[in-house]
Amino acid sequence: MEIPQHLDEVTPEWLTWALRESGVLDQATVNACHAENVGEGVGFLGEVFKLSLNYSTSNNLPAAGVPVAGIAAAGAPASMILKLPTESANRNAGQSAGVYEREIRFYSELRPELNIRTPTCYYGGMQTTVAPETGLTVLRFINRLPMWSMWSMFRLLSWLGTLKRIGYILLIEDLGHLRRGDQVAGCGLQDARTALTAMARLHGQFWESEKLESTKWIIPLQLTTKLGQVVYQKALPRYFAANGQVTLRNRELLEWLDHNGLRLMEQLASTAPTLIHGDFRLDNLFFDDVENEVVVLDWQTPLCGPFGMDLAYFLSASLESGVSEAELTNLLEHYRAELALSGVVQSADQIRWHYEASMLLVLFRVIPAEYQDMLSLGDDRGHELAITWIERIFAKLQHIDLDAILHKPA
């Protein structure tokens, strides 16, 4: 059957076919479905719905008169989460960047061997039109261009990549019974430790793994460094224009990145690679308080790169600026100890350098997220999230030694 492009095409008949195709259903039939939007204000590239399903055990035995609150069949869930590409203008950005394809490939190819919890995938499908390594080929081509021409070529190739609308769909586990993280609200130290435990296990599992090189749809951070510099330099004047008075320290940080961001990214990209989530933040975590662990979702932007990118990304977005230096040191030590359990030994100085260098690069990435014209952040929460995030990053960078950061420890 065709991959649905819109919510109204996700019918009971299509769901029956998809769940049988993936082995979730045997003889049962989906005879009713109710969709509830649960993704407003959380994601920018996708539409997220909770589906409540009713099943019958025979095509001739409808569940007449039963409200669609979710009635499970044997082996099939009463509810699940449906993910579709957004209907907004962001869809072109998502499709051209390959985020929908990568998430579907993650669930089918990589998730089965992960040592951390992620949602169960009931079905993932897309209209395959390009080879998995297409994204790598495009980035390698762009990286050979002069810096001044990279942005124009990137925009052109992105536009060409959206001339044909491709269908993508995911049906995954409903985690509504667990506690969801809230990036705007932030989290406490215990939740941070729980999240860092999962992060360290993920990084340890794929530390310098040959799997990363053979999985062609995972982008190496190294291929994004030059383009990242160009995007930041285009966003920086907009930041200054929108924010009026900027403190001397914050201006120093922003201008330092303008001149040194590429060099810093290349230094980080040259360190031991692992699988990084790429968007490891509270909005993409559910907390299982019974098992004291997290479930990590939204695998649209996995990268092959340095562990510090996930580490700084999460801590910059999740912790309030009032966290003391001693508490931060304890969190970094907790991550280091958990990483060591996977056989990966890093010194406290190495962990600290990766954290601080990556924190600068998180600012390097988040400034363009708010001050650019390619991706709409949607409702007020999206902008609140970005502004709050930038403020938290600045607070954590006030005492970083910029003269020393380009000299990584042995």
Protein backbone atom coordinates (compact mmCIF):
# COMPACT_ATOMS: atom_id res chain seq x y z
CA MET A 1 0.00 0.00 0.00
CA GLU A 2 1.00 3.63 -0.48
CA ILE A 3 2.78 5.49 2.32
CA PRO A 4 0.31 8.03 3.76
CA GLN A 5 1.23 11.68 3.24
CA HIS A 6 -1.47 13.11 5.53
CA LEU A 7 -3.24 12.13 8.73
CA ASP A 8 -6.55 11.45 6.98
CA GLU A 9 -4.84 8.78 4.89
CA VAL A 10 -3.92 6.79 8.02
CA THR A 11 -7.11 4.75 7.97
CA PRO A 12 -8.01 1.59 9.90
CA GLU A 13 -7.47 -0.33 6.66
CA TRP A 14 -3.98 1.09 6.21
CA LEU A 15 -3.10 0.50 9.86
CA THR A 16 -4.24 -3.12 9.57
CA TRP A 17 -2.00 -3.59 6.54
CA ALA A 18 1.03 -1.88 8.15
CA LEU A 19 0.79 -3.75 11.45
CA ARG A 20 0.40 -7.07 9.65
CA GLU A 21 3.32 -6.20 7.37
CA SER A 22 5.57 -5.67 10.39
CA GLY A 23 4.28 -8.73 12.25
CA VAL A 24 2.51 -6.84 15.05
CA LEU A 25 -0.89 -8.18 13.96
CA ASP A 26 -1.74 -11.68 12.87
CA GLN A 27 -5.46 -12.17 12.28
CA ALA A 28 -6.87 -9.14 14.10
CA THR A 29 -8.11 -6.09 12.24
CA VAL A 30 -8.05 -2.42 13.19
CA ASN A 31 -11.67 -1.33 12.95
CA ALA A 32 -11.53 2.13 14.53
CA CYS A 33 -8.91 4.76 15.26
CA HIS A 34 -8.88 8.12 17.04
CA ALA A 35 -5.98 10.56 16.58
CA GLU A 36 -4.96 13.19 19.13
CA ASN A 37 -2.23 15.75 18.41
CA VAL A 38 0.40 15.44 21.16
CA GLY A 39 3.35 17.14 19.48
CA GLU A 40 2.37 20.81 19.50
CA GLY A 41 5.16 23.04 20.76
CA VAL A 42 7.69 20.22 21.06
CA GLY A 43 9.02 19.39 17.59
CA PHE A 44 9.64 21.57 14.54
CA LEU A 45 9.99 19.03 11.74
CA GLY A 46 7.24 16.52 12.43
CA GLU A 47 3.59 16.02 13.34
CA VAL A 48 3.07 13.71 16.32
CA PHE A 49 -0.27 12.04 17.12
CA LYS A 50 -1.42 9.54 19.69
CA LEU A 51 -3.55 6.86 18.01
CA SER A 52 -6.13 5.02 20.11
CA LEU A 53 -7.01 1.79 18.31
CA ASN A 54 -9.83 -0.73 18.48
CA TYR A 55 -9.37 -4.20 17.06
CA SER A 56 -11.63 -7.06 16.06
CA THR A 57 -10.59 -10.65 15.56
CA SER A 58 -12.58 -11.00 12.36
CA ASN A 59 -13.26 -8.69 9.44
CA ASN A 60 -16.93 -9.53 9.89
CA LEU A 61 -17.05 -8.69 13.59
CA PRO A 62 -16.92 -4.90 14.06
CA ALA A 63 -16.75 -3.44 17.54
CA ALA A 64 -20.04 -1.60 17.09
CA GLY A 65 -20.93 0.91 19.76
CA VAL A 66 -17.54 0.75 21.46
CA PRO A 67 -15.90 4.19 21.89
CA VAL A 68 -12.42 4.54 20.43
CA ALA A 69 -10.52 4.65 23.73
CA GLY A 70 -8.11 1.89 22.80
CA ILE A 71 -8.91 -1.81 22.92
CA ALA A 72 -5.91 -4.04 22.31
CA ALA A 73 -5.73 -7.27 20.40
CA ALA A 74 -3.38 -10.05 21.39
CA GLY A 75 0.16 -8.76 20.93
CA ALA A 76 -1.01 -5.38 19.66
CA PRO A 77 -1.07 -2.12 21.65
CA ALA A 78 -4.24 -0.19 22.44
CA SER A 79 -2.40 3.03 21.59
CA MET A 80 0.69 4.09 19.66
CA ILE A 81 2.41 7.22 18.41
CA LEU A 82 2.19 8.25 14.77
CA LYS A 83 4.94 10.46 13.32
CA LEU A 84 4.53 12.21 9.98
CA PRO A 85 6.55 15.02 8.37
CA THR A 86 5.24 18.43 9.31
CA GLU A 87 2.70 20.14 7.06
CA SER A 88 4.48 23.47 7.65
CA ALA A 89 7.20 25.01 5.50
CA ASN A 90 9.73 23.18 7.70
CA ARG A 91 8.95 20.00 5.78
CA ASN A 92 11.26 21.03 2.94
CA ALA A 93 14.12 21.58 5.39
CA GLY A 94 13.48 18.21 7.03
CA GLN A 95 13.26 16.29 3.78
CA SER A 96 16.31 17.94 2.21
CA ALA A 97 18.35 17.29 5.37
CA GLY A 98 17.28 13.64 5.37
CA VAL A 99 16.00 13.66 8.96
CA TYR A 100 12.87 11.61 8.26
CA GLU A 101 14.82 8.97 6.36
CA ARG A 102 17.48 8.71 9.06
CA GLU A 103 14.94 8.15 11.83
CA ILE A 104 13.23 5.36 9.90
CA ARG A 105 16.57 3.75 9.12
CA PHE A 106 17.59 4.08 12.77
CA TYR A 107 14.58 2.08 13.96
CA SER A 108 14.99 -0.64 11.34
CA GLU A 109 18.79 -0.95 11.25
CA LEU A 110 20.32 0.34 14.48
CA ARG A 111 17.75 0.22 17.26
CA PRO A 112 17.71 -3.60 17.62
CA GLU A 113 21.29 -3.62 18.89
CA LEU A 114 21.20 -0.54 21.15
CA ASN A 115 21.96 -1.03 24.85
CA ILE A 116 19.66 1.82 25.98
CA ARG A 117 15.89 2.13 25.93
CA THR A 118 14.19 3.65 22.91
CA PRO A 119 10.54 3.35 21.84
CA THR A 120 9.42 0.08 20.29
CA CYS A 121 8.83 0.56 16.58
CA TYR A 122 5.65 -1.02 15.20
CA TYR A 123 6.12 0.13 11.62
CA GLY A 124 8.42 2.43 9.66
CA GLY A 125 8.05 3.11 5.98
CA MET A 126 9.16 5.54 3.30
CA GLN A 127 9.12 5.93 -0.44
CA THR A 128 12.77 5.14 -1.07
CA THR A 129 14.09 7.24 -3.94
CA VAL A 130 17.75 7.81 -3.06
CA ALA A 131 20.62 5.68 -1.80
CA PRO A 132 21.44 5.82 1.94
CA GLU A 133 24.82 7.42 1.25
CA THR A 134 23.36 10.35 -0.73
CA GLY A 135 23.67 12.74 2.22
CA LEU A 136 27.37 11.88 2.61
CA THR A 137 27.96 12.42 -1.11
CA VAL A 138 26.28 15.84 -1.06
CA LEU A 139 28.22 17.01 2.02
CA ARG A 140 31.53 15.82 0.58
CA PHE A 141 30.80 17.79 -2.58
CA ILE A 142 29.90 20.94 -0.62
CA ASN A 143 33.05 20.65 1.50
CA ARG A 144 35.22 20.87 -1.61
CA LEU A 145 33.76 24.26 -2.52
CA PRO A 146 35.17 27.65 -1.51
CA MET A 147 33.60 28.91 1.72
CA TRP A 148 31.97 31.88 -0.02
CA SER A 149 29.96 29.60 -2.34
CA MET A 150 28.96 26.88 0.12
CA TRP A 151 25.75 28.48 1.39
CA SER A 152 24.32 29.16 -2.06
CA MET A 153 25.11 25.64 -3.23
CA PHE A 154 23.64 24.16 -0.05
CA ARG A 155 20.41 26.10 -0.57
CA LEU A 156 20.25 25.03 -4.21
CA LEU A 157 20.82 21.35 -3.44
CA SER A 158 18.30 21.52 -0.59
CA TRP A 159 15.71 22.97 -2.97
CA LEU A 160 16.42 20.31 -5.60
CA GLY A 161 15.98 17.65 -2.93
CA THR A 162 12.41 18.76 -2.24
CA LEU A 163 11.09 18.88 -5.82
CA LYS A 164 9.46 15.50 -5.22
CA ARG A 165 7.42 15.10 -2.05
CA ILE A 166 8.35 11.80 -0.41
CA GLY A 167 6.19 9.92 2.06
CA TYR A 168 7.58 8.94 5.48
CA ILE A 169 5.73 7.40 8.42
CA LEU A 170 6.55 5.89 11.81
CA LEU A 171 4.38 4.02 14.28
CA ILE A 172 6.14 3.73 17.63
CA GLU A 173 5.44 2.95 21.26
CA ASP A 174 3.20 5.30 23.25
CA LEU A 175 5.23 6.42 26.28
CA GLY A 176 2.45 8.48 27.81
CA HIS A 177 2.55 6.45 31.02
CA LEU A 178 6.05 7.78 31.71
CA ARG A 179 7.16 11.26 32.80
CA ARG A 180 8.26 13.45 29.93
CA GLY A 181 11.12 15.91 30.21
CA ASP A 182 10.49 19.61 29.66
CA GLN A 183 13.41 21.58 28.30
CA VAL A 184 11.96 25.00 29.13
CA ALA A 185 11.41 23.98 32.77
CA GLY A 186 14.78 22.22 33.03
CA CYS A 187 15.53 19.33 35.37
CA GLY A 188 17.10 18.53 38.71
CA LEU A 189 20.42 16.86 39.37
CA GLN A 190 18.96 13.37 39.81
CA ASP A 191 17.22 13.45 36.43
CA ALA A 192 20.45 14.76 34.89
CA ARG A 193 22.39 11.81 36.32
CA THR A 194 19.81 9.36 35.02
CA ALA A 195 20.04 10.85 31.53
CA LEU A 196 23.85 10.89 31.61
CA THR A 197 23.89 7.19 32.51
CA ALA A 198 22.03 6.37 29.29
CA MET A 199 24.20 8.76 27.29
CA ALA A 200 27.42 7.18 28.55
CA ARG A 201 26.14 3.67 27.76
CA LEU A 202 25.29 4.75 24.19
CA HIS A 203 28.67 6.40 23.68
CA GLY A 204 30.54 3.49 25.21
CA GLN A 205 28.80 0.97 22.98
CA PHE A 206 29.79 2.72 19.75
CA TRP A 207 33.18 4.14 20.78
CA GLU A 208 35.39 4.04 17.63
CA SER A 209 33.05 1.37 16.28
CA GLU A 210 33.41 0.09 12.72
CA LYS A 211 29.62 0.15 12.60
CA LEU A 212 29.71 3.93 12.29
CA GLU A 213 31.74 3.85 9.07
CA SER A 214 29.66 1.10 7.51
CA THR A 215 26.33 2.79 8.30
CA LYS A 216 26.29 5.23 5.39
CA TRP A 217 23.32 7.33 6.51
CA ILE A 218 25.07 8.44 9.73
CA ILE A 219 26.76 11.78 9.00
CA PRO A 220 30.29 12.38 10.38
CA LEU A 221 30.55 15.69 12.24
CA GLN A 222 33.69 16.40 10.24
CA LEU A 223 31.58 16.92 7.10
CA THR A 224 29.44 19.60 8.76
CA THR A 225 32.19 21.87 10.11
CA LYS A 226 32.66 24.29 7.20
CA LEU A 227 28.95 24.62 6.52
CA GLY A 228 28.37 25.17 10.24
CA GLN A 229 30.81 28.09 10.17
CA VAL A 230 29.03 29.66 7.18
CA VAL A 231 25.59 29.28 8.78
CA TYR A 232 26.80 30.82 12.06
CA GLN A 233 28.38 33.78 10.31
CA LYS A 234 25.14 34.47 8.47
CA ALA A 235 23.11 34.35 11.71
CA LEU A 236 25.45 36.45 13.86
CA PRO A 237 24.50 39.90 12.50
CA ARG A 238 20.83 39.03 13.05
CA TYR A 239 21.56 38.15 16.66
CA PHE A 240 23.27 41.49 17.30
CA ALA A 241 20.49 43.40 15.52
CA ALA A 242 17.77 41.67 17.56
CA ASN A 243 19.42 41.95 20.97
CA GLY A 244 20.64 45.52 21.20
CA GLN A 245 22.92 45.74 24.23
CA VAL A 246 25.09 42.63 24.53
CA THR A 247 27.43 42.25 27.49
CA LEU A 248 31.14 42.55 26.78
CA ARG A 249 31.72 38.91 27.76
CA ASN A 250 28.93 37.59 25.55
CA ARG A 251 30.14 39.70 22.63
CA GLU A 252 33.64 38.33 23.20
CA LEU A 253 32.31 34.76 23.07
CA LEU A 254 30.32 35.36 19.90
CA GLU A 255 33.15 37.12 18.10
CA TRP A 256 35.65 34.48 19.24
CA LEU A 257 33.47 31.82 17.64
CA ASP A 258 33.23 33.90 14.48
CA HIS A 259 37.03 33.66 14.15
CA ASN A 260 37.74 30.30 15.79
CA GLY A 261 34.60 28.20 15.51
CA LEU A 262 35.78 26.24 12.48
CA ARG A 263 39.14 25.45 14.06
CA LEU A 264 37.45 24.32 17.28
CA MET A 265 34.97 22.12 15.39
CA GLU A 266 37.77 20.49 13.45
CA GLN A 267 39.69 19.80 16.68
CA LEU A 268 36.65 18.13 18.23
CA ALA A 269 35.87 16.20 15.05
CA SER A 270 39.41 14.78 15.05
CA THR A 271 38.95 13.08 18.45
CA ALA A 272 37.71 9.51 18.99
CA PRO A 273 34.25 9.22 17.38
CA THR A 274 31.15 7.56 18.72
CA LEU A 275 27.46 7.53 17.92
CA ILE A 276 25.95 10.77 19.20
CA HIS A 277 22.22 11.34 19.32
CA GLY A 278 22.54 14.87 17.98
CA ASP A 279 19.45 16.22 19.78
CA PHE A 280 19.87 14.83 23.30
CA ARG A 281 17.67 17.19 25.33
CA LEU A 282 14.82 16.94 27.83
CA ASP A 283 12.02 17.23 25.26
CA ASN A 284 13.32 14.00 23.73
CA LEU A 285 13.48 12.01 26.99
CA PHE A 286 10.87 10.10 28.98
CA PHE A 287 11.72 9.16 32.57
CA ASP A 288 10.77 5.75 33.96
CA ASP A 289 10.79 6.47 37.68
CA VAL A 290 10.18 2.82 38.58
CA GLU A 291 13.23 1.55 36.69
CA ASN A 292 15.23 4.76 37.25
CA GLU A 293 16.13 5.11 33.59
CA VAL A 294 15.23 7.14 30.53
CA VAL A 295 13.76 6.27 27.17
CA VAL A 296 15.43 8.24 24.38
CA LEU A 297 13.42 9.21 21.31
CA ASP A 298 13.61 11.46 18.22
CA TRP A 299 16.48 9.85 16.35
CA GLN A 300 16.37 12.19 13.35
CA THR A 301 19.89 13.60 13.66
CA PRO A 302 22.35 10.90 14.76
CA LEU A 303 25.97 11.77 14.01
CA CYS A 304 29.37 10.16 14.13
CA GLY A 305 31.36 12.51 16.32
CA PRO A 306 32.83 13.43 19.72
CA PHE A 307 30.95 12.51 22.87
CA GLY A 308 31.17 16.07 24.18
CA MET A 309 28.58 17.29 21.70
CA ASP A 310 25.82 15.25 23.37
CA LEU A 311 27.21 16.01 26.82
CA ALA A 312 27.27 19.80 26.42
CA TYR A 313 24.06 19.82 24.38
CA PHE A 314 22.13 18.13 27.17
CA LEU A 315 23.68 19.97 30.11
CA SER A 316 23.43 23.38 28.42
CA ALA A 317 19.73 22.96 27.74
CA SER A 318 18.68 21.14 30.89
CA LEU A 319 20.43 22.72 33.86
CA GLU A 320 19.52 26.09 35.31
CA SER A 321 22.32 28.65 35.54
CA GLY A 322 22.30 28.32 39.35
CA VAL A 323 23.99 24.91 39.32
CA SER A 324 27.26 25.22 41.27
CA GLU A 325 30.68 24.35 39.95
CA ALA A 326 30.87 21.47 42.43
CA GLU A 327 27.54 20.06 41.21
CA LEU A 328 28.65 20.34 37.57
CA THR A 329 31.92 18.59 38.38
CA ASN A 330 29.98 15.78 40.06
CA LEU A 331 27.80 15.36 36.95
CA LEU A 332 30.85 15.20 34.67
CA GLU A 333 32.45 12.68 37.01
CA HIS A 334 29.25 10.61 36.97
CA TYR A 335 29.35 10.53 33.16
CA ARG A 336 33.07 9.60 33.23
CA ALA A 337 32.44 6.74 35.67
CA GLU A 338 29.53 5.40 33.61
CA LEU A 339 31.62 5.61 30.44
CA ALA A 340 34.37 3.61 32.16
CA LEU A 341 31.89 0.80 32.79
CA SER A 342 31.84 0.31 29.00
CA GLY A 343 35.63 0.05 28.93
CA VAL A 344 36.24 3.62 27.74
CA VAL A 345 38.69 5.45 29.99
CA GLN A 346 38.90 9.25 29.86
CA SER A 347 40.65 11.50 32.34
CA ALA A 348 38.76 14.19 34.23
CA ASP A 349 40.69 16.80 32.23
CA GLN A 350 39.65 15.22 28.93
CA ILE A 351 36.00 15.13 29.97
CA ARG A 352 36.14 18.76 31.08
CA TRP A 353 37.79 19.92 27.84
CA HIS A 354 35.25 18.10 25.69
CA TYR A 355 32.43 19.59 27.74
CA GLU A 356 33.74 23.17 27.53
CA ALA A 357 34.77 23.04 23.87
CA SER A 358 31.46 21.47 22.91
CA MET A 359 29.55 24.03 24.98
CA LEU A 360 30.99 26.74 22.74
CA LEU A 361 29.87 24.77 19.70
CA VAL A 362 26.36 24.33 21.11
CA LEU A 363 26.14 28.13 21.17
CA PHE A 364 27.56 27.99 17.63
CA ARG A 365 24.56 25.82 16.65
CA VAL A 366 21.74 27.31 18.70
CA ILE A 367 22.28 30.93 17.59
CA PRO A 368 21.45 29.98 13.96
CA ALA A 369 18.46 27.92 15.13
CA GLU A 370 16.78 31.14 16.32
CA TYR A 371 18.33 33.71 14.00
CA GLN A 372 17.98 32.27 10.49
CA ASP A 373 15.35 31.89 7.76
CA MET A 374 15.41 28.18 6.94
CA LEU A 375 13.51 26.71 9.89
CA SER A 376 10.48 28.14 11.64
CA LEU A 377 10.38 27.56 15.41
CA GLY A 378 6.60 27.75 15.28
CA ASP A 379 4.67 28.80 18.36
CA ASP A 380 5.79 30.88 21.33
CA ARG A 381 7.23 27.84 23.11
CA GLY A 382 9.70 27.25 20.28
CA HIS A 383 11.13 30.74 20.59
CA GLU A 384 11.06 30.59 24.39
CA LEU A 385 13.00 27.35 24.22
CA ALA A 386 15.68 28.86 21.96
CA ILE A 387 16.05 32.10 23.92
CA THR A 388 16.16 30.28 27.28
CA TRP A 389 18.72 27.87 25.87
CA ILE A 390 21.00 30.67 24.63
CA GLU A 391 20.82 32.38 28.04
CA ARG A 392 21.73 29.13 29.82
CA ILE A 393 24.69 28.55 27.49
CA PHE A 394 26.03 32.06 28.06
CA ALA A 395 25.79 31.54 31.82
CA LYS A 396 27.86 28.35 31.57
CA LEU A 397 30.53 29.99 29.39
CA GLN A 398 31.32 33.00 31.57
CA HIS A 399 34.50 31.52 33.05
CA ILE A 400 35.82 29.42 30.17
CA ASP A 401 39.40 30.31 29.19
CA LEU A 402 39.23 31.05 25.47
CA ASP A 403 43.02 31.21 25.17
CA ALA A 404 43.37 27.65 26.47
CA ILE A 405 40.38 25.95 24.85
CA LEU A 406 42.14 25.37 21.51
CA HIS A 407 44.78 23.26 23.29
CA LYS A 408 43.14 19.93 24.08
CA PRO A 409 44.68 17.74 26.80
CA ALA A 410 46.56 14.61 25.84
